[in-house]
Amino acid sequence: MWAMTQNSIILFFRGKLFAEPSKAYQKILIGSTVTALLFIALAKADVPLWAASLAAALIGGGLQPYLFRNLRYR
């Protein structure tokens, strides 16, 4: 299991994990941006930082399967 994880990490950083790397990077950027904007909005709304980070992480993490549903791997 550890070897498979290491292999996937190596392929990701070499740009060979996804069939269309630019599409994958775009989806990662979208997810990160949504999470960051949500965190900033909650923090400005005087929500405690621990709650803002928890909510942003849960929503951003829940968004990833939706964003990655049509990605093709090599």
PDB file of N, CA and C in Angstrom:
ATOM      1  N   MET A   1       0.828  -1.184   0.000  1.00  0.00           N
ATOM      2  CA  MET A   1       0.000   0.000   0.000  1.00  0.00           C
ATOM      3  C   MET A   1       0.878   1.255   0.000  1.00  0.00           C
ATOM      4  N   TRP A   2       1.926   1.252   0.832  1.00  0.00           N
ATOM      5  CA  TRP A   2       2.815   2.402   0.892  1.00  0.00           C
ATOM      6  C   TRP A   2       3.517   2.613  -0.439  1.00  0.00           C
ATOM      7  N   ALA A   3       3.916   1.520  -1.104  1.00  0.00           N
ATOM      8  CA  ALA A   3       4.605   1.627  -2.398  1.00  0.00           C
ATOM      9  C   ALA A   3       3.677   2.242  -3.449  1.00  0.00           C
ATOM     10  N   MET A   4       2.408   1.872  -3.421  1.00  0.00           N
ATOM     11  CA  MET A   4       1.448   2.434  -4.367  1.00  0.00           C
ATOM     12  C   MET A   4       1.281   3.939  -4.128  1.00  0.00           C
ATOM     13  N   THR A   5       1.236   4.339  -2.875  1.00  0.00           N
ATOM     14  CA  THR A   5       1.116   5.758  -2.540  1.00  0.00           C
ATOM     15  C   THR A   5       2.340   6.532  -3.019  1.00  0.00           C
ATOM     16  N   GLN A   6       3.517   5.983  -2.765  1.00  0.00           N
ATOM     17  CA  GLN A   6       4.748   6.642  -3.215  1.00  0.00           C
ATOM     18  C   GLN A   6       4.777   6.760  -4.741  1.00  0.00           C
ATOM     19  N   ASN A   7       4.381   5.700  -5.418  1.00  0.00           N
ATOM     20  CA  ASN A   7       4.365   5.707  -6.888  1.00  0.00           C
ATOM     21  C   ASN A   7       3.387   6.774  -7.406  1.00  0.00           C
ATOM     22  N   SER A   8       2.226   6.878  -6.798  1.00  0.00           N
ATOM     23  CA  SER A   8       1.241   7.881  -7.220  1.00  0.00           C
ATOM     24  C   SER A   8       1.766   9.300  -7.001  1.00  0.00           C
ATOM     25  N   ILE A   9       2.445   9.518  -5.875  1.00  0.00           N
ATOM     26  CA  ILE A   9       3.006  10.843  -5.593  1.00  0.00           C
ATOM     27  C   ILE A   9       4.070  11.196  -6.623  1.00  0.00           C
ATOM     28  N   ILE A  10       4.931  10.249  -6.937  1.00  0.00           N
ATOM     29  CA  ILE A  10       5.986  10.479  -7.931  1.00  0.00           C
ATOM     30  C   ILE A  10       5.375  10.782  -9.294  1.00  0.00           C
ATOM     31  N   LEU A  11       4.380   9.994  -9.698  1.00  0.00           N
ATOM     32  CA  LEU A  11       3.730  10.237 -10.990  1.00  0.00           C
ATOM     33  C   LEU A  11       3.019  11.582 -11.023  1.00  0.00           C
ATOM     34  N   PHE A  12       2.416  11.978  -9.900  1.00  0.00           N
ATOM     35  CA  PHE A  12       1.723  13.264  -9.842  1.00  0.00           C
ATOM     36  C   PHE A  12       2.705  14.402 -10.081  1.00  0.00           C
ATOM     37  N   PHE A  13       3.830  14.390  -9.376  1.00  0.00           N
ATOM     38  CA  PHE A  13       4.781  15.490  -9.507  1.00  0.00           C
ATOM     39  C   PHE A  13       5.529  15.462 -10.831  1.00  0.00           C
ATOM     40  N   ARG A  14       5.584  14.342 -11.484  1.00  0.00           N
ATOM     41  CA  ARG A  14       6.173  14.282 -12.827  1.00  0.00           C
ATOM     42  C   ARG A  14       5.157  14.676 -13.899  1.00  0.00           C
ATOM     43  N   GLY A  15       3.887  14.808 -13.512  1.00  0.00           N
ATOM     44  CA  GLY A  15       2.847  15.177 -14.463  1.00  0.00           C
ATOM     45  C   GLY A  15       2.352  14.008 -15.289  1.00  0.00           C
ATOM     46  N   LYS A  16       2.511  12.775 -14.783  1.00  0.00           N
ATOM     47  CA  LYS A  16       2.131  11.596 -15.552  1.00  0.00           C
ATOM     48  C   LYS A  16       1.021  10.780 -14.897  1.00  0.00           C
ATOM     49  N   LEU A  17       0.426  11.286 -13.836  1.00  0.00           N
ATOM     50  CA  LEU A  17      -0.636  10.545 -13.162  1.00  0.00           C
ATOM     51  C   LEU A  17      -1.964  10.675 -13.898  1.00  0.00           C
ATOM     52  N   PHE A  18      -2.257  11.862 -14.375  1.00  0.00           N
ATOM     53  CA  PHE A  18      -3.521  12.121 -15.047  1.00  0.00           C
ATOM     54  C   PHE A  18      -3.332  12.132 -16.557  1.00  0.00           C
ATOM     55  N   ALA A  19      -4.361  11.703 -17.287  1.00  0.00           N
ATOM     56  CA  ALA A  19      -4.298  11.719 -18.752  1.00  0.00           C
ATOM     57  C   ALA A  19      -4.271  13.157 -19.259  1.00  0.00           C
ATOM     58  N   GLU A  20      -4.962  14.051 -18.564  1.00  0.00           N
ATOM     59  CA  GLU A  20      -4.978  15.475 -18.916  1.00  0.00           C
ATOM     60  C   GLU A  20      -4.560  16.277 -17.676  1.00  0.00           C
ATOM     61  N   PRO A  21      -3.251  16.456 -17.469  1.00  0.00           N
ATOM     62  CA  PRO A  21      -2.794  17.123 -16.250  1.00  0.00           C
ATOM     63  C   PRO A  21      -3.328  18.547 -16.077  1.00  0.00           C
ATOM     64  N   SER A  22      -3.473  19.281 -17.145  1.00  0.00           N
ATOM     65  CA  SER A  22      -3.957  20.660 -17.008  1.00  0.00           C
ATOM     66  C   SER A  22      -5.383  20.692 -16.467  1.00  0.00           C
ATOM     67  N   LYS A  23      -6.190  19.739 -16.869  1.00  0.00           N
ATOM     68  CA  LYS A  23      -7.569  19.653 -16.370  1.00  0.00           C
ATOM     69  C   LYS A  23      -7.575  19.318 -14.875  1.00  0.00           C
ATOM     70  N   ALA A  24      -6.676  18.413 -14.468  1.00  0.00           N
ATOM     71  CA  ALA A  24      -6.587  18.044 -13.057  1.00  0.00           C
ATOM     72  C   ALA A  24      -6.122  19.230 -12.217  1.00  0.00           C
ATOM     73  N   TYR A  25      -5.107  19.952 -12.692  1.00  0.00           N
ATOM     74  CA  TYR A  25      -4.606  21.107 -11.952  1.00  0.00           C
ATOM     75  C   TYR A  25      -5.674  22.200 -11.859  1.00  0.00           C
ATOM     76  N   GLN A  26      -6.468  22.338 -12.895  1.00  0.00           N
ATOM     77  CA  GLN A  26      -7.557  23.320 -12.884  1.00  0.00           C
ATOM     78  C   GLN A  26      -8.572  22.952 -11.801  1.00  0.00           C
ATOM     79  N   LYS A  27      -8.903  21.667 -11.701  1.00  0.00           N
ATOM     80  CA  LYS A  27      -9.872  21.226 -10.678  1.00  0.00           C
ATOM     81  C   LYS A  27      -9.307  21.418  -9.273  1.00  0.00           C
ATOM     82  N   ILE A  28      -8.012  21.157  -9.085  1.00  0.00           N
ATOM     83  CA  ILE A  28      -7.382  21.370  -7.783  1.00  0.00           C
ATOM     84  C   ILE A  28      -7.428  22.852  -7.423  1.00  0.00           C
ATOM     85  N   LEU A  29      -7.144  23.709  -8.394  1.00  0.00           N
ATOM     86  CA  LEU A  29      -7.175  25.155  -8.164  1.00  0.00           C
ATOM     87  C   LEU A  29      -8.578  25.633  -7.818  1.00  0.00           C
ATOM     88  N   ILE A  30      -9.581  25.111  -8.497  1.00  0.00           N
ATOM     89  CA  ILE A  30     -10.972  25.485  -8.199  1.00  0.00           C
ATOM     90  C   ILE A  30     -11.328  25.094  -6.762  1.00  0.00           C
ATOM     91  N   GLY A  31     -11.000  23.872  -6.376  1.00  0.00           N
ATOM     92  CA  GLY A  31     -11.299  23.414  -5.015  1.00  0.00           C
ATOM     93  C   GLY A  31     -10.577  24.226  -3.960  1.00  0.00           C
ATOM     94  N   SER A  32      -9.316  24.529  -4.197  1.00  0.00           N
ATOM     95  CA  SER A  32      -8.534  25.330  -3.244  1.00  0.00           C
ATOM     96  C   SER A  32      -9.079  26.748  -3.138  1.00  0.00           C
ATOM     97  N   THR A  33      -9.463  27.320  -4.259  1.00  0.00           N
ATOM     98  CA  THR A  33      -9.999  28.681  -4.258  1.00  0.00           C
ATOM     99  C   THR A  33     -11.326  28.757  -3.512  1.00  0.00           C
ATOM    100  N   VAL A  34     -12.208  27.807  -3.759  1.00  0.00           N
ATOM    101  CA  VAL A  34     -13.500  27.786  -3.068  1.00  0.00           C
ATOM    102  C   VAL A  34     -13.287  27.646  -1.559  1.00  0.00           C
ATOM    103  N   THR A  35     -12.375  26.763  -1.160  1.00  0.00           N
ATOM    104  CA  THR A  35     -12.098  26.558   0.256  1.00  0.00           C
ATOM    105  C   THR A  35     -11.532  27.820   0.893  1.00  0.00           C
ATOM    106  N   ALA A  36     -10.581  28.461   0.224  1.00  0.00           N
ATOM    107  CA  ALA A  36      -9.972  29.683   0.767  1.00  0.00           C
ATOM    108  C   ALA A  36     -10.988  30.816   0.870  1.00  0.00           C
ATOM    109  N   LEU A  37     -11.798  30.992  -0.167  1.00  0.00           N
ATOM    110  CA  LEU A  37     -12.801  32.059  -0.137  1.00  0.00           C
ATOM    111  C   LEU A  37     -13.850  31.813   0.952  1.00  0.00           C
ATOM    112  N   LEU A  38     -14.230  30.569   1.123  1.00  0.00           N
ATOM    113  CA  LEU A  38     -15.190  30.236   2.173  1.00  0.00           C
ATOM    114  C   LEU A  38     -14.598  30.512   3.557  1.00  0.00           C
ATOM    115  N   PHE A  39     -13.343  30.138   3.742  1.00  0.00           N
ATOM    116  CA  PHE A  39     -12.685  30.402   5.020  1.00  0.00           C
ATOM    117  C   PHE A  39     -12.605  31.902   5.300  1.00  0.00           C
ATOM    118  N   ILE A  40     -12.212  32.667   4.309  1.00  0.00           N
ATOM    119  CA  ILE A  40     -12.093  34.120   4.483  1.00  0.00           C
ATOM    120  C   ILE A  40     -13.458  34.741   4.786  1.00  0.00           C
ATOM    121  N   ALA A  41     -14.486  34.310   4.070  1.00  0.00           N
ATOM    122  CA  ALA A  41     -15.829  34.857   4.298  1.00  0.00           C
ATOM    123  C   ALA A  41     -16.320  34.533   5.708  1.00  0.00           C
ATOM    124  N   LEU A  42     -16.093  33.309   6.154  1.00  0.00           N
ATOM    125  CA  LEU A  42     -16.528  32.941   7.507  1.00  0.00           C
ATOM    126  C   LEU A  42     -15.717  33.681   8.566  1.00  0.00           C
ATOM    127  N   ALA A  43     -14.426  33.853   8.337  1.00  0.00           N
ATOM    128  CA  ALA A  43     -13.587  34.574   9.307  1.00  0.00           C
ATOM    129  C   ALA A  43     -13.997  36.037   9.402  1.00  0.00           C
ATOM    130  N   LYS A  44     -14.349  36.648   8.285  1.00  0.00           N
ATOM    131  CA  LYS A  44     -14.801  38.049   8.299  1.00  0.00           C
ATOM    132  C   LYS A  44     -16.187  38.187   8.931  1.00  0.00           C
ATOM    133  N   ALA A  45     -16.947  37.101   8.969  1.00  0.00           N
ATOM    134  CA  ALA A  45     -18.271  37.127   9.583  1.00  0.00           C
ATOM    135  C   ALA A  45     -18.187  36.872  11.092  1.00  0.00           C
ATOM    136  N   ASP A  46     -16.985  37.008  11.649  1.00  0.00           N
ATOM    137  CA  ASP A  46     -16.734  36.838  13.087  1.00  0.00           C
ATOM    138  C   ASP A  46     -17.039  35.445  13.607  1.00  0.00           C
ATOM    139  N   VAL A  47     -16.920  34.468  12.742  1.00  0.00           N
ATOM    140  CA  VAL A  47     -16.992  33.072  13.178  1.00  0.00           C
ATOM    141  C   VAL A  47     -15.620  32.739  13.758  1.00  0.00           C
ATOM    142  N   PRO A  48     -15.546  32.022  14.868  1.00  0.00           N
ATOM    143  CA  PRO A  48     -14.224  31.665  15.403  1.00  0.00           C
ATOM    144  C   PRO A  48     -13.378  30.953  14.338  1.00  0.00           C
ATOM    145  N   LEU A  49     -12.071  31.199  14.357  1.00  0.00           N
ATOM    146  CA  LEU A  49     -11.195  30.646  13.325  1.00  0.00           C
ATOM    147  C   LEU A  49     -11.234  29.124  13.274  1.00  0.00           C
ATOM    148  N   TRP A  50     -11.347  28.473  14.429  1.00  0.00           N
ATOM    149  CA  TRP A  50     -11.388  27.012  14.412  1.00  0.00           C
ATOM    150  C   TRP A  50     -12.647  26.514  13.706  1.00  0.00           C
ATOM    151  N   ALA A  51     -13.762  27.203  13.895  1.00  0.00           N
ATOM    152  CA  ALA A  51     -15.015  26.801  13.251  1.00  0.00           C
ATOM    153  C   ALA A  51     -14.990  27.140  11.761  1.00  0.00           C
ATOM    154  N   ALA A  52     -14.404  28.284  11.426  1.00  0.00           N
ATOM    155  CA  ALA A  52     -14.301  28.674  10.018  1.00  0.00           C
ATOM    156  C   ALA A  52     -13.415  27.683   9.256  1.00  0.00           C
ATOM    157  N   SER A  53     -12.305  27.309   9.858  1.00  0.00           N
ATOM    158  CA  SER A  53     -11.414  26.365   9.177  1.00  0.00           C
ATOM    159  C   SER A  53     -12.049  24.987   9.074  1.00  0.00           C
ATOM    160  N   LEU A  54     -12.765  24.566  10.098  1.00  0.00           N
ATOM    161  CA  LEU A  54     -13.442  23.269  10.059  1.00  0.00           C
ATOM    162  C   LEU A  54     -14.518  23.243   8.976  1.00  0.00           C
ATOM    163  N   ALA A  55     -15.338  24.268   8.922  1.00  0.00           N
ATOM    164  CA  ALA A  55     -16.404  24.324   7.918  1.00  0.00           C
ATOM    165  C   ALA A  55     -15.832  24.405   6.506  1.00  0.00           C
ATOM    166  N   ALA A  56     -14.820  25.242   6.311  1.00  0.00           N
ATOM    167  CA  ALA A  56     -14.214  25.375   4.985  1.00  0.00           C
ATOM    168  C   ALA A  56     -13.562  24.062   4.549  1.00  0.00           C
ATOM    169  N   ALA A  57     -12.890  23.397   5.465  1.00  0.00           N
ATOM    170  CA  ALA A  57     -12.242  22.128   5.136  1.00  0.00           C
ATOM    171  C   ALA A  57     -13.262  21.047   4.792  1.00  0.00           C
ATOM    172  N   LEU A  58     -14.341  20.981   5.543  1.00  0.00           N
ATOM    173  CA  LEU A  58     -15.369  19.971   5.265  1.00  0.00           C
ATOM    174  C   LEU A  58     -16.046  20.208   3.918  1.00  0.00           C
ATOM    175  N   ILE A  59     -16.389  21.444   3.649  1.00  0.00           N
ATOM    176  CA  ILE A  59     -17.054  21.755   2.380  1.00  0.00           C
ATOM    177  C   ILE A  59     -16.089  21.607   1.216  1.00  0.00           C
ATOM    178  N   GLY A  60     -14.867  22.115   1.373  1.00  0.00           N
ATOM    179  CA  GLY A  60     -13.866  21.988   0.314  1.00  0.00           C
ATOM    180  C   GLY A  60     -13.497  20.537   0.045  1.00  0.00           C
ATOM    181  N   GLY A  61     -13.351  19.753   1.098  1.00  0.00           N
ATOM    182  CA  GLY A  61     -13.064  18.324   0.935  1.00  0.00           C
ATOM    183  C   GLY A  61     -14.227  17.562   0.318  1.00  0.00           C
ATOM    184  N   GLY A  62     -15.425  17.957   0.664  1.00  0.00           N
ATOM    185  CA  GLY A  62     -16.606  17.323   0.073  1.00  0.00           C
ATOM    186  C   GLY A  62     -16.793  17.685  -1.389  1.00  0.00           C
ATOM    187  N   LEU A  63     -16.241  18.799  -1.791  1.00  0.00           N
ATOM    188  CA  LEU A  63     -16.334  19.251  -3.175  1.00  0.00           C
ATOM    189  C   LEU A  63     -15.394  18.462  -4.098  1.00  0.00           C
ATOM    190  N   GLN A  64     -14.300  17.940  -3.571  1.00  0.00           N
ATOM    191  CA  GLN A  64     -13.296  17.272  -4.395  1.00  0.00           C
ATOM    192  C   GLN A  64     -13.837  16.069  -5.180  1.00  0.00           C
ATOM    193  N   PRO A  65     -14.593  15.160  -4.585  1.00  0.00           N
ATOM    194  CA  PRO A  65     -15.108  14.047  -5.398  1.00  0.00           C
ATOM    195  C   PRO A  65     -15.985  14.508  -6.555  1.00  0.00           C
ATOM    196  N   TYR A  66     -16.747  15.576  -6.336  1.00  0.00           N
ATOM    197  CA  TYR A  66     -17.576  16.125  -7.404  1.00  0.00           C
ATOM    198  C   TYR A  66     -16.701  16.682  -8.523  1.00  0.00           C
ATOM    199  N   LEU A  67     -15.641  17.404  -8.159  1.00  0.00           N
ATOM    200  CA  LEU A  67     -14.761  17.984  -9.165  1.00  0.00           C
ATOM    201  C   LEU A  67     -13.961  16.917  -9.912  1.00  0.00           C
ATOM    202  N   PHE A  68     -13.560  15.866  -9.208  1.00  0.00           N
ATOM    203  CA  PHE A  68     -12.679  14.854  -9.792  1.00  0.00           C
ATOM    204  C   PHE A  68     -13.438  13.703 -10.447  1.00  0.00           C
ATOM    205  N   ARG A  69     -14.733  13.780 -10.546  1.00  0.00           N
ATOM    206  CA  ARG A  69     -15.515  12.635 -11.029  1.00  0.00           C
ATOM    207  C   ARG A  69     -15.218  12.242 -12.476  1.00  0.00           C
ATOM    208  N   ASN A  70     -14.793  13.181 -13.322  1.00  0.00           N
ATOM    209  CA  ASN A  70     -14.568  12.865 -14.733  1.00  0.00           C
ATOM    210  C   ASN A  70     -13.100  12.864 -15.121  1.00  0.00           C
ATOM    211  N   LEU A  71     -12.199  12.866 -14.158  1.00  0.00           N
ATOM    212  CA  LEU A  71     -10.777  12.845 -14.485  1.00  0.00           C
ATOM    213  C   LEU A  71     -10.361  11.446 -14.930  1.00  0.00           C
ATOM    214  N   ARG A  72      -9.460  11.400 -15.880  1.00  0.00           N
ATOM    215  CA  ARG A  72      -8.937  10.125 -16.377  1.00  0.00           C
ATOM    216  C   ARG A  72      -7.505   9.965 -15.919  1.00  0.00           C
ATOM    217  N   TYR A  73      -7.190   8.788 -15.402  1.00  0.00           N
ATOM    218  CA  TYR A  73      -5.848   8.464 -14.949  1.00  0.00           C
ATOM    219  C   TYR A  73      -5.138   7.613 -15.985  1.00  0.00           C
ATOM    220  N   ARG A  74      -3.821   7.658 -15.953  1.00  0.00           N
ATOM    221  CA  ARG A  74      -3.036   6.814 -16.862  1.00  0.00           C
ATOM    222  C   ARG A  74      -2.803   5.453 -16.275  1.00  0.00           C
TER     223      ARG A  74
END
